[in-house]
Amino acid sequence: MNGWTLERRARQAQAIKKWRPWERSIGPRSAKGKARVSRNAWKGGHRPQWRAVVHSLNAGLRAQRALAMP
């Protein structure tokens, strides 16, 4: 394990339940912090380009199938 005994884990869990830090969580305050968290779900890199390629390929295949069927 990571050095935490079962007793230590139980004491820490009890302390956290007593402190209730989630009630004081307010999120980012500064413009820089807000800008940073606004990109949390960003799926960047090559993914948008690959999606465009797949969409055009699928459209071409659909058109080809439509021509082949009588």
PDB file of N, CA and C in Angstrom:
ATOM      1  N   MET A   1       0.837  -1.177   0.000  1.00  0.00           N
ATOM      2  CA  MET A   1       0.000   0.000   0.000  1.00  0.00           C
ATOM      3  C   MET A   1       0.881   1.239   0.000  1.00  0.00           C
ATOM      4  N   ASN A   2       0.338   2.399   0.215  1.00  0.00           N
ATOM      5  CA  ASN A   2       1.089   3.646   0.123  1.00  0.00           C
ATOM      6  C   ASN A   2       1.536   4.188   1.475  1.00  0.00           C
ATOM      7  N   GLY A   3       1.556   3.389   2.511  1.00  0.00           N
ATOM      8  CA  GLY A   3       1.993   3.839   3.825  1.00  0.00           C
ATOM      9  C   GLY A   3       0.854   4.237   4.748  1.00  0.00           C
ATOM     10  N   TRP A   4      -0.355   4.261   4.262  1.00  0.00           N
ATOM     11  CA  TRP A   4      -1.510   4.606   5.083  1.00  0.00           C
ATOM     12  C   TRP A   4      -2.078   3.324   5.678  1.00  0.00           C
ATOM     13  N   THR A   5      -2.102   3.268   7.002  1.00  0.00           N
ATOM     14  CA  THR A   5      -2.716   2.114   7.660  1.00  0.00           C
ATOM     15  C   THR A   5      -4.233   2.291   7.650  1.00  0.00           C
ATOM     16  N   LEU A   6      -4.934   1.234   7.943  1.00  0.00           N
ATOM     17  CA  LEU A   6      -6.394   1.325   7.987  1.00  0.00           C
ATOM     18  C   LEU A   6      -6.856   2.302   9.062  1.00  0.00           C
ATOM     19  N   GLU A   7      -6.129   2.335  10.198  1.00  0.00           N
ATOM     20  CA  GLU A   7      -6.482   3.261  11.271  1.00  0.00           C
ATOM     21  C   GLU A   7      -6.262   4.709  10.831  1.00  0.00           C
ATOM     22  N   ARG A   8      -5.142   4.956  10.140  1.00  0.00           N
ATOM     23  CA  ARG A   8      -4.855   6.309   9.675  1.00  0.00           C
ATOM     24  C   ARG A   8      -5.894   6.752   8.648  1.00  0.00           C
ATOM     25  N   ARG A   9      -6.273   5.848   7.754  1.00  0.00           N
ATOM     26  CA  ARG A   9      -7.296   6.173   6.761  1.00  0.00           C
ATOM     27  C   ARG A   9      -8.623   6.508   7.435  1.00  0.00           C
ATOM     28  N   ALA A  10      -8.976   5.750   8.467  1.00  0.00           N
ATOM     29  CA  ALA A  10     -10.229   5.995   9.180  1.00  0.00           C
ATOM     30  C   ALA A  10     -10.191   7.352   9.893  1.00  0.00           C
ATOM     31  N   ARG A  11      -9.045   7.680  10.539  1.00  0.00           N
ATOM     32  CA  ARG A  11      -8.916   8.970  11.217  1.00  0.00           C
ATOM     33  C   ARG A  11      -9.005  10.121  10.213  1.00  0.00           C
ATOM     34  N   GLN A  12      -8.351   9.961   9.067  1.00  0.00           N
ATOM     35  CA  GLN A  12      -8.376  11.007   8.040  1.00  0.00           C
ATOM     36  C   GLN A  12      -9.782  11.187   7.483  1.00  0.00           C
ATOM     37  N   ALA A  13     -10.487  10.091   7.238  1.00  0.00           N
ATOM     38  CA  ALA A  13     -11.860  10.167   6.728  1.00  0.00           C
ATOM     39  C   ALA A  13     -12.754  10.883   7.734  1.00  0.00           C
ATOM     40  N   GLN A  14     -12.579  10.568   9.010  1.00  0.00           N
ATOM     41  CA  GLN A  14     -13.382  11.212  10.056  1.00  0.00           C
ATOM     42  C   GLN A  14     -13.066  12.703  10.127  1.00  0.00           C
ATOM     43  N   ALA A  15     -11.785  13.059  10.020  1.00  0.00           N
ATOM     44  CA  ALA A  15     -11.395  14.469  10.080  1.00  0.00           C
ATOM     45  C   ALA A  15     -11.968  15.237   8.892  1.00  0.00           C
ATOM     46  N   ILE A  16     -11.918  14.661   7.717  1.00  0.00           N
ATOM     47  CA  ILE A  16     -12.438  15.335   6.528  1.00  0.00           C
ATOM     48  C   ILE A  16     -13.951  15.521   6.634  1.00  0.00           C
ATOM     49  N   LYS A  17     -14.635  14.518   7.156  1.00  0.00           N
ATOM     50  CA  LYS A  17     -16.084  14.664   7.336  1.00  0.00           C
ATOM     51  C   LYS A  17     -16.396  15.781   8.327  1.00  0.00           C
ATOM     52  N   LYS A  18     -15.509  15.966   9.316  1.00  0.00           N
ATOM     53  CA  LYS A  18     -15.704  17.032  10.293  1.00  0.00           C
ATOM     54  C   LYS A  18     -15.393  18.396   9.673  1.00  0.00           C
ATOM     55  N   TRP A  19     -14.317  18.502   8.892  1.00  0.00           N
ATOM     56  CA  TRP A  19     -13.905  19.769   8.288  1.00  0.00           C
ATOM     57  C   TRP A  19     -14.845  20.209   7.176  1.00  0.00           C
ATOM     58  N   ARG A  20     -15.371  19.264   6.412  1.00  0.00           N
ATOM     59  CA  ARG A  20     -16.280  19.507   5.290  1.00  0.00           C
ATOM     60  C   ARG A  20     -15.724  20.565   4.334  1.00  0.00           C
ATOM     61  N   PRO A  21     -14.546  20.322   3.762  1.00  0.00           N
ATOM     62  CA  PRO A  21     -13.923  21.337   2.895  1.00  0.00           C
ATOM     63  C   PRO A  21     -14.728  21.632   1.633  1.00  0.00           C
ATOM     64  N   TRP A  22     -15.582  20.729   1.200  1.00  0.00           N
ATOM     65  CA  TRP A  22     -16.361  20.946  -0.023  1.00  0.00           C
ATOM     66  C   TRP A  22     -17.371  22.074   0.135  1.00  0.00           C
ATOM     67  N   GLU A  23     -17.706  22.422   1.370  1.00  0.00           N
ATOM     68  CA  GLU A  23     -18.653  23.513   1.587  1.00  0.00           C
ATOM     69  C   GLU A  23     -18.008  24.882   1.413  1.00  0.00           C
ATOM     70  N   ARG A  24     -16.679  24.942   1.450  1.00  0.00           N
ATOM     71  CA  ARG A  24     -15.988  26.213   1.297  1.00  0.00           C
ATOM     72  C   ARG A  24     -15.314  26.352  -0.063  1.00  0.00           C
ATOM     73  N   SER A  25     -15.520  25.406  -0.932  1.00  0.00           N
ATOM     74  CA  SER A  25     -14.913  25.457  -2.248  1.00  0.00           C
ATOM     75  C   SER A  25     -15.648  26.474  -3.111  1.00  0.00           C
ATOM     76  N   ILE A  26     -14.916  27.426  -3.688  1.00  0.00           N
ATOM     77  CA  ILE A  26     -15.571  28.478  -4.457  1.00  0.00           C
ATOM     78  C   ILE A  26     -15.141  28.505  -5.914  1.00  0.00           C
ATOM     79  N   GLY A  27     -14.141  27.744  -6.269  1.00  0.00           N
ATOM     80  CA  GLY A  27     -13.681  27.753  -7.653  1.00  0.00           C
ATOM     81  C   GLY A  27     -12.707  28.890  -7.909  1.00  0.00           C
ATOM     82  N   PRO A  28     -12.339  29.076  -9.170  1.00  0.00           N
ATOM     83  CA  PRO A  28     -11.350  30.110  -9.497  1.00  0.00           C
ATOM     84  C   PRO A  28     -11.930  31.512  -9.354  1.00  0.00           C
ATOM     85  N   ARG A  29     -11.096  32.427  -8.893  1.00  0.00           N
ATOM     86  CA  ARG A  29     -11.540  33.811  -8.706  1.00  0.00           C
ATOM     87  C   ARG A  29     -10.963  34.742  -9.765  1.00  0.00           C
ATOM     88  N   SER A  30      -9.720  34.524 -10.144  1.00  0.00           N
ATOM     89  CA  SER A  30      -9.066  35.444 -11.077  1.00  0.00           C
ATOM     90  C   SER A  30      -9.454  35.121 -12.519  1.00  0.00           C
ATOM     91  N   ALA A  31      -9.247  36.082 -13.386  1.00  0.00           N
ATOM     92  CA  ALA A  31      -9.540  35.876 -14.813  1.00  0.00           C
ATOM     93  C   ALA A  31      -8.639  34.788 -15.383  1.00  0.00           C
ATOM     94  N   LYS A  32      -7.397  34.760 -14.922  1.00  0.00           N
ATOM     95  CA  LYS A  32      -6.462  33.747 -15.404  1.00  0.00           C
ATOM     96  C   LYS A  32      -6.917  32.343 -14.977  1.00  0.00           C
ATOM     97  N   GLY A  33      -7.365  32.217 -13.740  1.00  0.00           N
ATOM     98  CA  GLY A  33      -7.850  30.926 -13.255  1.00  0.00           C
ATOM     99  C   GLY A  33      -9.116  30.489 -13.966  1.00  0.00           C
ATOM    100  N   LYS A  34     -10.010  31.424 -14.227  1.00  0.00           N
ATOM    101  CA  LYS A  34     -11.245  31.098 -14.940  1.00  0.00           C
ATOM    102  C   LYS A  34     -10.958  30.666 -16.373  1.00  0.00           C
ATOM    103  N   ALA A  35      -9.987  31.335 -16.989  1.00  0.00           N
ATOM    104  CA  ALA A  35      -9.615  30.962 -18.357  1.00  0.00           C
ATOM    105  C   ALA A  35      -9.022  29.553 -18.371  1.00  0.00           C
ATOM    106  N   ARG A  36      -8.252  29.237 -17.366  1.00  0.00           N
ATOM    107  CA  ARG A  36      -7.625  27.916 -17.308  1.00  0.00           C
ATOM    108  C   ARG A  36      -8.663  26.801 -17.142  1.00  0.00           C
ATOM    109  N   VAL A  37      -9.607  26.976 -16.242  1.00  0.00           N
ATOM    110  CA  VAL A  37     -10.589  25.920 -16.017  1.00  0.00           C
ATOM    111  C   VAL A  37     -11.615  25.843 -17.139  1.00  0.00           C
ATOM    112  N   SER A  38     -11.748  26.914 -17.925  1.00  0.00           N
ATOM    113  CA  SER A  38     -12.695  26.866 -19.043  1.00  0.00           C
ATOM    114  C   SER A  38     -12.237  25.879 -20.111  1.00  0.00           C
ATOM    115  N   ARG A  39     -10.964  25.511 -20.087  1.00  0.00           N
ATOM    116  CA  ARG A  39     -10.426  24.560 -21.069  1.00  0.00           C
ATOM    117  C   ARG A  39     -10.351  23.134 -20.524  1.00  0.00           C
ATOM    118  N   ASN A  40     -10.991  22.857 -19.398  1.00  0.00           N
ATOM    119  CA  ASN A  40     -10.907  21.528 -18.797  1.00  0.00           C
ATOM    120  C   ASN A  40     -11.404  20.428 -19.726  1.00  0.00           C
ATOM    121  N   ALA A  41     -12.450  20.681 -20.462  1.00  0.00           N
ATOM    122  CA  ALA A  41     -13.030  19.645 -21.311  1.00  0.00           C
ATOM    123  C   ALA A  41     -12.555  19.746 -22.760  1.00  0.00           C
ATOM    124  N   TRP A  42     -11.561  20.569 -23.032  1.00  0.00           N
ATOM    125  CA  TRP A  42     -11.082  20.772 -24.400  1.00  0.00           C
ATOM    126  C   TRP A  42     -10.457  19.501 -24.933  1.00  0.00           C
ATOM    127  N   LYS A  43     -10.886  19.095 -26.086  1.00  0.00           N
ATOM    128  CA  LYS A  43     -10.326  17.920 -26.751  1.00  0.00           C
ATOM    129  C   LYS A  43      -9.509  18.430 -27.934  1.00  0.00           C
ATOM    130  N   GLY A  44      -8.308  18.802 -27.665  1.00  0.00           N
ATOM    131  CA  GLY A  44      -7.495  19.457 -28.683  1.00  0.00           C
ATOM    132  C   GLY A  44      -6.641  18.508 -29.477  1.00  0.00           C
ATOM    133  N   GLY A  45      -5.604  19.063 -30.049  1.00  0.00           N
ATOM    134  CA  GLY A  45      -4.680  18.271 -30.835  1.00  0.00           C
ATOM    135  C   GLY A  45      -5.248  17.942 -32.207  1.00  0.00           C
ATOM    136  N   HIS A  46      -5.052  16.716 -32.642  1.00  0.00           N
ATOM    137  CA  HIS A  46      -5.452  16.298 -33.978  1.00  0.00           C
ATOM    138  C   HIS A  46      -6.878  15.766 -34.035  1.00  0.00           C
ATOM    139  N   ARG A  47      -7.508  15.638 -32.918  1.00  0.00           N
ATOM    140  CA  ARG A  47      -8.842  15.046 -32.899  1.00  0.00           C
ATOM    141  C   ARG A  47      -9.841  15.756 -33.823  1.00  0.00           C
ATOM    142  N   PRO A  48      -9.959  17.090 -33.813  1.00  0.00           N
ATOM    143  CA  PRO A  48     -10.912  17.734 -34.722  1.00  0.00           C
ATOM    144  C   PRO A  48     -10.600  17.479 -36.194  1.00  0.00           C
ATOM    145  N   GLN A  49      -9.316  17.448 -36.526  1.00  0.00           N
ATOM    146  CA  GLN A  49      -8.932  17.183 -37.912  1.00  0.00           C
ATOM    147  C   GLN A  49      -9.302  15.756 -38.313  1.00  0.00           C
ATOM    148  N   TRP A  50      -9.038  14.806 -37.427  1.00  0.00           N
ATOM    149  CA  TRP A  50      -9.385  13.414 -37.731  1.00  0.00           C
ATOM    150  C   TRP A  50     -10.886  13.246 -37.858  1.00  0.00           C
ATOM    151  N   ARG A  51     -11.647  13.921 -37.028  1.00  0.00           N
ATOM    152  CA  ARG A  51     -13.109  13.822 -37.114  1.00  0.00           C
ATOM    153  C   ARG A  51     -13.606  14.350 -38.447  1.00  0.00           C
ATOM    154  N   ALA A  52     -13.017  15.447 -38.936  1.00  0.00           N
ATOM    155  CA  ALA A  52     -13.414  15.998 -40.234  1.00  0.00           C
ATOM    156  C   ALA A  52     -13.096  15.011 -41.353  1.00  0.00           C
ATOM    157  N   VAL A  53     -11.943  14.353 -41.270  1.00  0.00           N
ATOM    158  CA  VAL A  53     -11.570  13.359 -42.284  1.00  0.00           C
ATOM    159  C   VAL A  53     -12.546  12.192 -42.262  1.00  0.00           C
ATOM    160  N   VAL A  54     -12.885  11.712 -41.080  1.00  0.00           N
ATOM    161  CA  VAL A  54     -13.809  10.586 -40.960  1.00  0.00           C
ATOM    162  C   VAL A  54     -15.192  10.969 -41.485  1.00  0.00           C
ATOM    163  N   HIS A  55     -15.641  12.172 -41.179  1.00  0.00           N
ATOM    164  CA  HIS A  55     -16.957  12.607 -41.656  1.00  0.00           C
ATOM    165  C   HIS A  55     -16.996  12.661 -43.179  1.00  0.00           C
ATOM    166  N   SER A  56     -15.941  13.216 -43.784  1.00  0.00           N
ATOM    167  CA  SER A  56     -15.937  13.301 -45.248  1.00  0.00           C
ATOM    168  C   SER A  56     -15.818  11.918 -45.874  1.00  0.00           C
ATOM    169  N   LEU A  57     -15.057  11.036 -45.267  1.00  0.00           N
ATOM    170  CA  LEU A  57     -14.934   9.674 -45.770  1.00  0.00           C
ATOM    171  C   LEU A  57     -16.270   8.948 -45.684  1.00  0.00           C
ATOM    172  N   ASN A  58     -16.962   9.096 -44.573  1.00  0.00           N
ATOM    173  CA  ASN A  58     -18.278   8.466 -44.427  1.00  0.00           C
ATOM    174  C   ASN A  58     -19.277   9.018 -45.435  1.00  0.00           C
ATOM    175  N   ALA A  59     -19.236  10.319 -45.678  1.00  0.00           N
ATOM    176  CA  ALA A  59     -20.139  10.915 -46.666  1.00  0.00           C
ATOM    177  C   ALA A  59     -19.847  10.360 -48.052  1.00  0.00           C
ATOM    178  N   GLY A  60     -18.575  10.214 -48.394  1.00  0.00           N
ATOM    179  CA  GLY A  60     -18.209   9.639 -49.691  1.00  0.00           C
ATOM    180  C   GLY A  60     -18.661   8.200 -49.823  1.00  0.00           C
ATOM    181  N   LEU A  61     -18.515   7.430 -48.777  1.00  0.00           N
ATOM    182  CA  LEU A  61     -18.947   6.026 -48.810  1.00  0.00           C
ATOM    183  C   LEU A  61     -20.460   5.922 -48.944  1.00  0.00           C
ATOM    184  N   ARG A  62     -21.181   6.802 -48.245  1.00  0.00           N
ATOM    185  CA  ARG A  62     -22.641   6.795 -48.373  1.00  0.00           C
ATOM    186  C   ARG A  62     -23.062   7.117 -49.801  1.00  0.00           C
ATOM    187  N   ALA A  63     -22.406   8.082 -50.426  1.00  0.00           N
ATOM    188  CA  ALA A  63     -22.719   8.452 -51.810  1.00  0.00           C
ATOM    189  C   ALA A  63     -22.406   7.302 -52.760  1.00  0.00           C
ATOM    190  N   GLN A  64     -21.306   6.634 -52.526  1.00  0.00           N
ATOM    191  CA  GLN A  64     -20.917   5.499 -53.372  1.00  0.00           C
ATOM    192  C   GLN A  64     -21.919   4.363 -53.236  1.00  0.00           C
ATOM    193  N   ARG A  65     -22.356   4.079 -52.028  1.00  0.00           N
ATOM    194  CA  ARG A  65     -23.352   3.024 -51.816  1.00  0.00           C
ATOM    195  C   ARG A  65     -24.670   3.384 -52.492  1.00  0.00           C
ATOM    196  N   ALA A  66     -25.036   4.653 -52.454  1.00  0.00           N
ATOM    197  CA  ALA A  66     -26.295   5.082 -53.074  1.00  0.00           C
ATOM    198  C   ALA A  66     -26.245   4.899 -54.592  1.00  0.00           C
ATOM    199  N   LEU A  67     -25.081   5.110 -55.183  1.00  0.00           N
ATOM    200  CA  LEU A  67     -24.934   4.941 -56.630  1.00  0.00           C
ATOM    201  C   LEU A  67     -24.940   3.453 -57.020  1.00  0.00           C
ATOM    202  N   ALA A  68     -24.385   2.599 -56.153  1.00  0.00           N
ATOM    203  CA  ALA A  68     -24.246   1.185 -56.474  1.00  0.00           C
ATOM    204  C   ALA A  68     -25.575   0.441 -56.347  1.00  0.00           C
ATOM    205  N   MET A  69     -26.476   0.932 -55.532  1.00  0.00           N
ATOM    206  CA  MET A  69     -27.755   0.221 -55.330  1.00  0.00           C
ATOM    207  C   MET A  69     -28.739   0.612 -56.410  1.00  0.00           C
ATOM    208  N   PRO A  70     -29.394  -0.380 -56.985  1.00  0.00           N
ATOM    209  CA  PRO A  70     -30.378  -0.089 -58.040  1.00  0.00           C
ATOM    210  C   PRO A  70     -31.681   0.445 -57.489  1.00  0.00           C
TER     211      PRO A  70
END
